[in-house]
Amino acid sequence: MDQKQYNVTGMSCEHCAASIREEVSEVPGVSEVVVDLAANAVTVHGTDLDDERLRAAIVEAGYGIGDSIAA
């Protein structure tokens, strides 16, 4: 199983986390999305994860994205 982690800007509440989980979960290959509001981080687990599609899903949810975090 692959894992990717991102710094996300603009998250402040559980509604934010739910929006990101919903959008990112729709990307093919994603099996789990973990949002850590305190760390402004999103961790994605799955197979054959497409970095560009994951980033686009986070932006589509309405949030900014920084660099990937080494996982």
Protein backbone atom coordinates (compact mmCIF):
# COMPACT_ATOMS: atom_id res chain seq x y z
CA MET A 1 0.00 0.00 0.00
CA ASP A 2 1.23 3.46 -0.91
CA GLN A 3 1.07 6.54 1.31
CA LYS A 4 1.28 10.22 0.45
CA GLN A 5 1.12 13.11 2.88
CA TYR A 6 0.51 16.80 2.16
CA ASN A 7 0.61 20.12 4.00
CA VAL A 8 -2.78 21.75 3.50
CA THR A 9 -3.62 25.39 4.17
CA GLY A 10 -6.99 26.83 5.07
CA MET A 11 -8.32 23.95 7.18
CA SER A 12 -9.81 25.03 10.50
CA CYS A 13 -12.65 22.70 11.47
CA GLU A 14 -14.18 19.26 11.10
CA HIS A 15 -16.27 20.49 8.16
CA CYS A 16 -13.00 21.30 6.37
CA ALA A 17 -11.68 17.82 7.13
CA ALA A 18 -14.90 16.20 5.88
CA SER A 19 -14.77 18.18 2.61
CA ILE A 20 -11.21 17.05 1.96
CA ARG A 21 -11.97 13.43 2.86
CA GLU A 22 -14.93 13.43 0.48
CA GLU A 23 -13.04 14.87 -2.51
CA VAL A 24 -9.84 12.87 -2.03
CA SER A 25 -11.74 9.61 -1.46
CA GLU A 26 -13.06 9.86 -5.02
CA VAL A 27 -9.56 9.63 -6.54
CA PRO A 28 -8.95 6.15 -7.98
CA GLY A 29 -6.80 3.93 -5.77
CA VAL A 30 -7.52 5.77 -2.51
CA SER A 31 -8.50 3.49 0.36
CA GLU A 32 -8.19 5.88 3.32
CA VAL A 33 -7.86 9.62 3.93
CA VAL A 34 -6.66 10.86 7.32
CA VAL A 35 -6.91 14.59 8.08
CA ASP A 36 -4.91 16.04 10.98
CA LEU A 37 -6.27 19.55 11.58
CA ALA A 38 -3.69 20.39 14.26
CA ALA A 39 -0.79 19.57 11.94
CA ASN A 40 -2.49 20.90 8.77
CA ALA A 41 -1.73 17.55 7.18
CA VAL A 42 -3.59 15.09 4.99
CA THR A 43 -2.36 11.51 4.69
CA VAL A 44 -3.66 9.33 1.87
CA HIS A 45 -3.36 5.54 1.77
CA GLY A 46 -4.03 3.39 -1.29
CA THR A 47 -2.53 1.80 -4.36
CA ASP A 48 -1.09 3.48 -7.46
CA LEU A 49 -1.78 6.94 -6.01
CA ASP A 50 -1.57 9.76 -8.55
CA ASP A 51 0.05 12.81 -6.93
CA GLU A 52 -1.45 15.28 -9.41
CA ARG A 53 -4.98 13.94 -8.96
CA LEU A 54 -4.65 13.99 -5.17
CA ARG A 55 -3.43 17.59 -5.22
CA ALA A 56 -6.25 18.56 -7.58
CA ALA A 57 -8.84 16.96 -5.27
CA ILE A 58 -7.56 18.96 -2.30
CA VAL A 59 -7.73 22.18 -4.34
CA GLU A 60 -11.20 21.22 -5.62
CA ALA A 61 -12.30 20.91 -1.98
CA GLY A 62 -11.30 24.56 -1.59
CA TYR A 63 -7.95 24.36 0.21
CA GLY A 64 -4.38 25.30 -0.55
CA ILE A 65 -1.65 22.73 -0.75
CA GLY A 66 2.01 22.99 0.13
CA ASP A 67 4.82 20.56 -0.45
CA SER A 68 4.44 16.85 0.01
CA ILE A 69 5.64 15.61 3.36
CA ALA A 70 8.12 12.73 3.22
CA ALA A 71 6.21 9.60 4.12
